[in-house]
Amino acid sequence: MSAAREGGLWRQGLLMGAALMALLALTIALAFVPLGRLNGVASYGIALAKAGLVALVFMKLGRSPALVRLAAFAGVFWLAALCLLTFTDYPFRQPIEQQQTRPGGQPADAPLLLRK
């Protein structure tokens, strides 16, 4: 490996580390700013930017063959579909009713035991 290529790798790694640290600092700073509902949106946006940087640089998806990029996209699509199904199911769940118990600790629908 040539010295110029090695220097480029170091520079790229340092720039990526600095970018990820800057996004981390932005995430921490955002935790102390009251934005209401926009707080979650901004946090997810920053997390998406971090994941994109890692995928493009460390996983080298920018220079990989089309089939590898398609496989990565399929994985992200599948994860998004599962999250979407989970998030649409959760609001429509009914609360679990508190089970009624008798003073002896038996459930209310259990048959009464005969006492002597």
N, C-alpha and C. Protein backbone atom coordinates (compact mmCIF):
# COMPACT_ATOMS: atom_id res chain seq x y z
N MET A 1 0.85 -1.16 0.00
CA MET A 1 0.00 0.00 0.00
C MET A 1 0.90 1.23 0.00
N SER A 2 0.56 2.18 -0.82
CA SER A 2 1.40 3.37 -0.93
C SER A 2 1.19 4.30 0.25
N ALA A 3 2.17 5.16 0.48
CA ALA A 3 2.10 6.10 1.61
C ALA A 3 0.98 7.11 1.42
N ALA A 4 0.74 7.51 0.15
CA ALA A 4 -0.33 8.47 -0.10
C ALA A 4 -1.69 7.86 0.21
N ARG A 5 -1.89 6.61 -0.16
CA ARG A 5 -3.16 5.93 0.13
C ARG A 5 -3.34 5.73 1.62
N GLU A 6 -2.25 5.39 2.31
CA GLU A 6 -2.31 5.20 3.75
C GLU A 6 -2.65 6.51 4.46
N GLY A 7 -2.08 7.61 3.99
CA GLY A 7 -2.40 8.92 4.58
C GLY A 7 -3.84 9.30 4.34
N GLY A 8 -4.37 8.94 3.18
CA GLY A 8 -5.77 9.21 2.88
C GLY A 8 -6.71 8.42 3.77
N LEU A 9 -6.32 7.19 4.08
CA LEU A 9 -7.14 6.37 4.97
C LEU A 9 -7.17 6.95 6.38
N TRP A 10 -6.00 7.41 6.83
CA TRP A 10 -5.97 8.03 8.16
C TRP A 10 -6.81 9.29 8.19
N ARG A 11 -6.69 10.11 7.15
CA ARG A 11 -7.45 11.36 7.10
C ARG A 11 -8.96 11.07 7.06
N GLN A 12 -9.35 10.09 6.27
CA GLN A 12 -10.76 9.73 6.17
C GLN A 12 -11.28 9.21 7.52
N GLY A 13 -10.49 8.38 8.18
CA GLY A 13 -10.89 7.86 9.48
C GLY A 13 -11.02 8.95 10.53
N LEU A 14 -10.07 9.88 10.52
CA LEU A 14 -10.14 10.99 11.48
C LEU A 14 -11.32 11.90 11.20
N LEU A 15 -11.60 12.16 9.93
CA LEU A 15 -12.76 12.98 9.59
C LEU A 15 -14.06 12.30 9.99
N MET A 16 -14.14 10.99 9.78
CA MET A 16 -15.34 10.25 10.18
C MET A 16 -15.50 10.27 11.70
N GLY A 17 -14.41 10.06 12.41
CA GLY A 17 -14.48 10.11 13.87
C GLY A 17 -14.91 11.47 14.37
N ALA A 18 -14.38 12.52 13.75
CA ALA A 18 -14.77 13.88 14.14
C ALA A 18 -16.23 14.14 13.83
N ALA A 19 -16.70 13.67 12.68
CA ALA A 19 -18.10 13.87 12.31
C ALA A 19 -19.02 13.13 13.27
N LEU A 20 -18.67 11.89 13.62
CA LEU A 20 -19.49 11.13 14.55
C LEU A 20 -19.47 11.75 15.94
N MET A 21 -18.32 12.28 16.36
CA MET A 21 -18.25 12.95 17.67
C MET A 21 -19.07 14.23 17.67
N ALA A 22 -19.04 14.96 16.56
CA ALA A 22 -19.85 16.18 16.47
C ALA A 22 -21.34 15.85 16.53
N LEU A 23 -21.74 14.78 15.85
CA LEU A 23 -23.15 14.37 15.91
C LEU A 23 -23.52 13.88 17.31
N LEU A 24 -22.59 13.23 17.99
CA LEU A 24 -22.83 12.81 19.37
C LEU A 24 -23.01 14.02 20.28
N ALA A 25 -22.15 15.03 20.11
CA ALA A 25 -22.27 16.25 20.92
C ALA A 25 -23.60 16.95 20.63
N LEU A 26 -24.01 16.94 19.37
CA LEU A 26 -25.30 17.54 19.01
C LEU A 26 -26.45 16.77 19.65
N THR A 27 -26.35 15.46 19.70
CA THR A 27 -27.38 14.65 20.35
C THR A 27 -27.47 14.96 21.84
N ILE A 28 -26.32 15.07 22.49
CA ILE A 28 -26.31 15.36 23.93
C ILE A 28 -26.83 16.77 24.18
N ALA A 29 -26.44 17.73 23.37
CA ALA A 29 -26.93 19.10 23.54
C ALA A 29 -28.43 19.17 23.30
N LEU A 30 -28.92 18.39 22.35
CA LEU A 30 -30.35 18.39 22.04
C LEU A 30 -31.18 17.84 23.19
N ALA A 31 -30.58 16.97 24.01
CA ALA A 31 -31.30 16.39 25.14
C ALA A 31 -31.67 17.45 26.18
N PHE A 32 -30.95 18.56 26.20
CA PHE A 32 -31.20 19.60 27.19
C PHE A 32 -32.03 20.76 26.64
N VAL A 33 -32.43 20.68 25.38
CA VAL A 33 -33.22 21.74 24.76
C VAL A 33 -34.67 21.28 24.69
N PRO A 34 -35.61 22.02 25.29
CA PRO A 34 -37.01 21.60 25.25
C PRO A 34 -37.66 21.95 23.90
N LEU A 35 -37.72 20.98 23.00
CA LEU A 35 -38.33 21.20 21.70
C LEU A 35 -39.72 20.57 21.58
N GLY A 36 -40.16 19.91 22.62
CA GLY A 36 -41.47 19.25 22.57
C GLY A 36 -41.42 18.03 21.67
N ARG A 37 -42.37 17.95 20.75
CA ARG A 37 -42.45 16.80 19.84
C ARG A 37 -41.31 16.78 18.83
N LEU A 38 -40.71 17.91 18.56
CA LEU A 38 -39.62 17.96 17.59
C LEU A 38 -38.34 17.33 18.13
N ASN A 39 -38.27 17.13 19.44
CA ASN A 39 -37.09 16.53 20.05
C ASN A 39 -36.85 15.12 19.50
N GLY A 40 -37.90 14.33 19.42
CA GLY A 40 -37.78 12.98 18.89
C GLY A 40 -37.43 12.97 17.42
N VAL A 41 -38.05 13.86 16.66
CA VAL A 41 -37.78 13.94 15.23
C VAL A 41 -36.32 14.32 14.98
N ALA A 42 -35.83 15.29 15.72
CA ALA A 42 -34.44 15.72 15.56
C ALA A 42 -33.47 14.61 15.99
N SER A 43 -33.79 13.91 17.07
CA SER A 43 -32.93 12.81 17.53
C SER A 43 -32.87 11.69 16.50
N TYR A 44 -34.03 11.34 15.94
CA TYR A 44 -34.05 10.30 14.91
C TYR A 44 -33.30 10.75 13.66
N GLY A 45 -33.39 12.02 13.33
CA GLY A 45 -32.66 12.53 12.17
C GLY A 45 -31.15 12.45 12.37
N ILE A 46 -30.69 12.79 13.57
CA ILE A 46 -29.27 12.69 13.88
C ILE A 46 -28.82 11.24 13.86
N ALA A 47 -29.64 10.34 14.42
CA ALA A 47 -29.29 8.92 14.42
C ALA A 47 -29.24 8.38 12.99
N LEU A 48 -30.13 8.83 12.14
CA LEU A 48 -30.12 8.41 10.74
C LEU A 48 -28.86 8.91 10.03
N ALA A 49 -28.44 10.13 10.35
CA ALA A 49 -27.22 10.67 9.76
C ALA A 49 -26.00 9.86 10.22
N LYS A 50 -25.95 9.49 11.50
CA LYS A 50 -24.84 8.69 12.00
C LYS A 50 -24.81 7.32 11.33
N ALA A 51 -25.98 6.69 11.21
CA ALA A 51 -26.04 5.38 10.57
C ALA A 51 -25.65 5.47 9.09
N GLY A 52 -26.05 6.54 8.43
CA GLY A 52 -25.68 6.72 7.03
C GLY A 52 -24.18 6.90 6.85
N LEU A 53 -23.56 7.68 7.74
CA LEU A 53 -22.11 7.84 7.66
C LEU A 53 -21.37 6.53 7.88
N VAL A 54 -21.83 5.76 8.85
CA VAL A 54 -21.18 4.48 9.13
C VAL A 54 -21.36 3.53 7.94
N ALA A 55 -22.55 3.50 7.37
CA ALA A 55 -22.81 2.61 6.23
C ALA A 55 -21.99 3.01 5.01
N LEU A 56 -21.89 4.31 4.74
CA LEU A 56 -21.17 4.74 3.55
C LEU A 56 -19.66 4.60 3.68
N VAL A 57 -19.12 4.89 4.86
CA VAL A 57 -17.66 4.91 5.00
C VAL A 57 -17.12 3.57 5.51
N PHE A 58 -17.62 3.10 6.65
CA PHE A 58 -17.04 1.90 7.23
C PHE A 58 -17.50 0.63 6.51
N MET A 59 -18.74 0.60 6.06
CA MET A 59 -19.23 -0.56 5.32
C MET A 59 -18.93 -0.45 3.82
N LYS A 60 -18.46 0.72 3.41
CA LYS A 60 -18.07 1.00 2.03
C LYS A 60 -19.20 0.72 1.03
N LEU A 61 -20.41 1.11 1.40
CA LEU A 61 -21.55 0.89 0.52
C LEU A 61 -21.52 1.82 -0.69
N GLY A 62 -20.84 2.93 -0.58
CA GLY A 62 -20.76 3.86 -1.69
C GLY A 62 -19.98 3.30 -2.87
N ARG A 63 -18.99 2.44 -2.59
CA ARG A 63 -18.14 1.88 -3.65
C ARG A 63 -18.38 0.39 -3.86
N SER A 64 -19.41 -0.16 -3.26
CA SER A 64 -19.66 -1.60 -3.37
C SER A 64 -20.53 -1.91 -4.59
N PRO A 65 -20.58 -3.18 -5.01
CA PRO A 65 -21.41 -3.56 -6.15
C PRO A 65 -22.90 -3.33 -5.86
N ALA A 66 -23.67 -3.29 -6.92
CA ALA A 66 -25.10 -2.99 -6.80
C ALA A 66 -25.83 -4.04 -5.98
N LEU A 67 -25.43 -5.29 -6.08
CA LEU A 67 -26.09 -6.36 -5.34
C LEU A 67 -25.90 -6.19 -3.83
N VAL A 68 -24.74 -5.75 -3.41
CA VAL A 68 -24.48 -5.52 -1.99
C VAL A 68 -25.33 -4.35 -1.49
N ARG A 69 -25.41 -3.29 -2.30
CA ARG A 69 -26.25 -2.15 -1.92
C ARG A 69 -27.71 -2.55 -1.85
N LEU A 70 -28.15 -3.41 -2.78
CA LEU A 70 -29.53 -3.89 -2.77
C LEU A 70 -29.81 -4.70 -1.51
N ALA A 71 -28.86 -5.54 -1.10
CA ALA A 71 -29.03 -6.33 0.11
C ALA A 71 -29.11 -5.43 1.35
N ALA A 72 -28.28 -4.39 1.40
CA ALA A 72 -28.33 -3.45 2.52
C ALA A 72 -29.66 -2.71 2.54
N PHE A 73 -30.12 -2.29 1.37
CA PHE A 73 -31.41 -1.59 1.29
C PHE A 73 -32.55 -2.52 1.71
N ALA A 74 -32.48 -3.79 1.30
CA ALA A 74 -33.53 -4.75 1.68
C ALA A 74 -33.57 -4.94 3.19
N GLY A 75 -32.41 -4.98 3.82
CA GLY A 75 -32.38 -5.11 5.27
C GLY A 75 -32.98 -3.91 5.97
N VAL A 76 -32.66 -2.73 5.50
CA VAL A 76 -33.21 -1.50 6.08
C VAL A 76 -34.71 -1.44 5.84
N PHE A 77 -35.14 -1.83 4.64
CA PHE A 77 -36.57 -1.83 4.32
C PHE A 77 -37.33 -2.79 5.22
N TRP A 78 -36.77 -3.99 5.43
CA TRP A 78 -37.42 -4.98 6.29
C TRP A 78 -37.50 -4.48 7.73
N LEU A 79 -36.45 -3.87 8.23
CA LEU A 79 -36.47 -3.31 9.57
C LEU A 79 -37.53 -2.21 9.68
N ALA A 80 -37.62 -1.36 8.68
CA ALA A 80 -38.62 -0.29 8.68
C ALA A 80 -40.03 -0.86 8.65
N ALA A 81 -40.24 -1.92 7.88
CA ALA A 81 -41.57 -2.54 7.83
C ALA A 81 -41.96 -3.13 9.18
N LEU A 82 -41.02 -3.80 9.84
CA LEU A 82 -41.31 -4.37 11.15
C LEU A 82 -41.59 -3.28 12.19
N CYS A 83 -40.83 -2.20 12.15
CA CYS A 83 -41.07 -1.09 13.08
C CYS A 83 -42.42 -0.44 12.81
N LEU A 84 -42.76 -0.28 11.54
CA LEU A 84 -44.05 0.32 11.18
C LEU A 84 -45.20 -0.54 11.67
N LEU A 85 -45.10 -1.85 11.49
CA LEU A 85 -46.16 -2.73 11.97
C LEU A 85 -46.27 -2.69 13.49
N THR A 86 -45.13 -2.62 14.17
CA THR A 86 -45.16 -2.53 15.63
C THR A 86 -45.80 -1.23 16.09
N PHE A 87 -45.41 -0.13 15.46
CA PHE A 87 -45.91 1.18 15.87
C PHE A 87 -47.38 1.37 15.52
N THR A 88 -47.90 0.66 14.51
CA THR A 88 -49.33 0.77 14.21
C THR A 88 -50.14 -0.15 15.10
N ASP A 89 -49.55 -1.21 15.62
CA ASP A 89 -50.27 -2.12 16.49
C ASP A 89 -50.40 -1.57 17.91
N TYR A 90 -49.38 -0.93 18.39
CA TYR A 90 -49.33 -0.50 19.79
C TYR A 90 -50.48 0.43 20.20
N PRO A 91 -50.84 1.46 19.42
CA PRO A 91 -51.90 2.36 19.89
C PRO A 91 -53.28 1.71 19.96
N PHE A 92 -53.49 0.61 19.27
CA PHE A 92 -54.80 -0.01 19.22
C PHE A 92 -54.96 -1.15 20.21
N ARG A 93 -53.99 -1.38 21.02
CA ARG A 93 -54.09 -2.43 22.04
C ARG A 93 -55.04 -1.98 23.14
N GLN A 94 -55.82 -2.93 23.63
CA GLN A 94 -56.74 -2.65 24.72
C GLN A 94 -56.01 -2.86 26.04
N PRO A 95 -56.30 -2.05 27.04
CA PRO A 95 -55.63 -2.26 28.34
C PRO A 95 -56.07 -3.58 28.95
N ILE A 96 -55.15 -4.22 29.62
CA ILE A 96 -55.47 -5.48 30.29
C ILE A 96 -56.25 -5.16 31.55
N GLU A 97 -57.41 -5.81 31.68
CA GLU A 97 -58.24 -5.56 32.85
C GLU A 97 -57.59 -6.18 34.08
N GLN A 98 -57.75 -5.49 35.19
CA GLN A 98 -57.22 -5.98 36.44
C GLN A 98 -58.07 -7.17 36.87
N GLN A 99 -57.43 -8.28 37.16
CA GLN A 99 -58.17 -9.47 37.54
C GLN A 99 -58.71 -9.30 38.95
N GLN A 100 -59.98 -9.57 39.10
CA GLN A 100 -60.63 -9.46 40.40
C GLN A 100 -60.25 -10.66 41.25
N THR A 101 -59.93 -10.43 42.50
CA THR A 101 -59.58 -11.53 43.41
C THR A 101 -60.48 -11.49 44.62
N ARG A 102 -60.66 -12.64 45.20
CA ARG A 102 -61.41 -12.75 46.45
C ARG A 102 -60.44 -12.49 47.60
N PRO A 103 -60.96 -12.28 48.79
CA PRO A 103 -60.08 -12.00 49.92
C PRO A 103 -59.03 -13.07 50.18
N GLY A 104 -59.29 -14.32 49.83
CA GLY A 104 -58.32 -15.39 50.06
C GLY A 104 -57.22 -15.43 49.01
N GLY A 105 -57.27 -14.54 48.05
CA GLY A 105 -56.27 -14.52 47.01
C GLY A 105 -56.65 -15.33 45.78
N GLN A 106 -57.85 -15.95 45.80
CA GLN A 106 -58.28 -16.73 44.65
C GLN A 106 -58.89 -15.80 43.60
N PRO A 107 -58.76 -16.15 42.32
CA PRO A 107 -59.42 -15.34 41.29
C PRO A 107 -60.93 -15.40 41.46
N ALA A 108 -61.62 -14.34 41.05
CA ALA A 108 -63.06 -14.25 41.22
C ALA A 108 -63.79 -15.29 40.39
N ASP A 109 -63.22 -15.75 39.29
CA ASP A 109 -63.90 -16.73 38.47
C ASP A 109 -63.59 -18.17 38.86
N ALA A 110 -62.76 -18.37 39.89
CA ALA A 110 -62.46 -19.73 40.37
C ALA A 110 -63.62 -20.24 41.22
N PRO A 111 -63.88 -21.55 41.15
CA PRO A 111 -64.99 -22.08 41.97
C PRO A 111 -64.69 -21.96 43.45
N LEU A 112 -65.74 -21.75 44.20
CA LEU A 112 -65.59 -21.66 45.65
C LEU A 112 -65.26 -23.01 46.24
N LEU A 113 -64.36 -23.05 47.18
CA LEU A 113 -64.06 -24.29 47.85
C LEU A 113 -65.03 -24.48 49.01
N LEU A 114 -65.43 -25.70 49.22
CA LEU A 114 -66.35 -25.98 50.31
C LEU A 114 -65.58 -25.94 51.63
N ARG A 115 -66.16 -25.25 52.57
CA ARG A 115 -65.52 -25.17 53.90
C ARG A 115 -66.21 -26.15 54.82
N LYS A 116 -65.45 -26.68 55.76
CA LYS A 116 -66.01 -27.61 56.74
C LYS A 116 -66.55 -26.87 57.92
